[in-house]
Amino acid sequence: MYNTTRNDVKVLAQQIENLARDVQSKLDNGADFLASANELVRNTTTFVFSIGEIYALEQSGKGKVRQVKSGSNLNYHNVRDNLGRFTKKV
């Protein structure tokens, strides 16, 4: 499995910047910009997912957040009566 690094994201950001400049210049010159625009969209989408992957990996390394249950909910934890309703533990 391949994990994205911060350097990979920097490279993608540079490619996006170059493609955006290319699309702008082609729009100004009246040239065919569609191929560059499609490549820009593809790289931007990859960039968004890569940023999300890095964020998730960095957050998972910071430790787990422990959820504290409130006292009133402890009496009703997954206990059902004969009608299927949640009831107090006995």
Protein backbone atom coordinates (compact mmCIF):
# COMPACT_ATOMS: atom_id res chain seq x y z
CA MET A 1 0.00 0.00 0.00
CA TYR A 2 1.31 3.42 -0.93
CA ASN A 3 1.01 6.29 1.54
CA THR A 4 1.13 9.85 0.33
CA THR A 5 3.85 12.05 1.79
CA ARG A 6 4.01 15.79 2.21
CA ASN A 7 6.55 15.97 -0.63
CA ASP A 8 4.08 14.23 -2.96
CA VAL A 9 1.50 16.87 -2.13
CA LYS A 10 4.02 19.66 -2.76
CA VAL A 11 4.75 18.20 -6.20
CA LEU A 12 1.01 18.02 -6.96
CA ALA A 13 0.54 21.62 -5.82
CA GLN A 14 3.33 22.75 -8.14
CA GLN A 15 1.80 20.82 -11.06
CA ILE A 16 -1.59 22.40 -10.34
CA GLU A 17 -0.03 25.86 -10.28
CA ASN A 18 1.73 25.25 -13.61
CA LEU A 19 -1.42 23.85 -15.21
CA ALA A 20 -3.50 26.79 -13.97
CA ARG A 21 -1.03 29.21 -15.56
CA ASP A 22 -1.13 27.18 -18.76
CA VAL A 23 -4.94 27.26 -18.87
CA GLN A 24 -4.94 31.02 -18.24
CA SER A 25 -2.46 31.68 -21.03
CA LYS A 26 -4.41 29.46 -23.46
CA LEU A 27 -7.61 31.28 -22.57
CA ASP A 28 -5.94 34.63 -23.21
CA ASN A 29 -4.48 33.48 -26.55
CA GLY A 30 -7.64 31.77 -27.76
CA ALA A 31 -5.90 28.40 -27.98
CA ASP A 32 -7.45 25.01 -27.16
CA PHE A 33 -7.50 24.88 -23.37
CA LEU A 34 -9.70 21.84 -22.79
CA ALA A 35 -6.92 19.24 -22.47
CA SER A 36 -5.04 21.38 -19.95
CA ALA A 37 -8.24 22.11 -18.05
CA ASN A 38 -9.05 18.40 -17.81
CA GLU A 39 -5.55 17.67 -16.52
CA LEU A 40 -5.94 20.49 -14.01
CA VAL A 41 -9.19 19.02 -12.70
CA ARG A 42 -7.67 15.54 -12.46
CA ASN A 43 -4.64 16.80 -10.53
CA THR A 44 -6.81 18.95 -8.27
CA THR A 45 -8.98 15.95 -7.38
CA THR A 46 -5.89 13.86 -6.65
CA PHE A 47 -4.55 16.72 -4.54
CA VAL A 48 -7.72 16.85 -2.42
CA PHE A 49 -7.65 13.12 -1.72
CA SER A 50 -3.92 13.20 -0.97
CA ILE A 51 -4.37 16.03 1.52
CA GLY A 52 -7.16 14.05 3.18
CA GLU A 53 -4.96 10.97 3.40
CA ILE A 54 -2.12 12.90 5.00
CA TYR A 55 -4.49 14.54 7.47
CA ALA A 56 -6.01 11.18 8.42
CA LEU A 57 -2.61 9.54 8.86
CA GLU A 58 -1.35 12.38 11.02
CA GLN A 59 -4.49 12.42 13.15
CA SER A 60 -4.41 8.65 13.67
CA GLY A 61 -0.86 8.91 14.99
CA LYS A 62 -1.81 11.38 17.71
CA GLY A 63 -3.57 8.75 19.81
CA LYS A 64 -7.09 7.64 20.28
CA VAL A 65 -9.75 9.87 21.75
CA ARG A 66 -11.52 8.07 24.55
CA GLN A 67 -15.25 8.55 24.67
CA VAL A 68 -16.70 8.86 28.16
CA LYS A 69 -20.20 7.50 28.65
CA SER A 70 -22.63 9.42 30.76
CA GLY A 71 -24.04 7.75 33.86
CA SER A 72 -27.67 7.73 32.75
CA ASN A 73 -26.94 5.91 29.48
CA LEU A 74 -25.09 3.09 31.21
CA ASN A 75 -28.36 1.65 32.51
CA TYR A 76 -29.83 1.28 29.01
CA HIS A 77 -26.87 -0.15 27.11
CA ASN A 78 -28.21 -2.63 24.55
CA VAL A 79 -30.66 -4.37 26.88
CA ARG A 80 -34.10 -5.07 25.43
CA ASP A 81 -37.35 -6.34 26.87
CA ASN A 82 -39.59 -8.96 25.25
CA LEU A 83 -41.13 -6.26 22.98
CA GLY A 84 -37.72 -5.17 21.66
CA ARG A 85 -37.57 -1.86 23.56
CA PHE A 86 -34.43 -0.70 25.36
CA THR A 87 -34.73 -1.22 29.11
CA LYS A 88 -32.63 -0.91 32.25
CA LYS A 89 -30.13 -3.62 33.08
CA VAL A 90 -31.41 -5.85 35.83
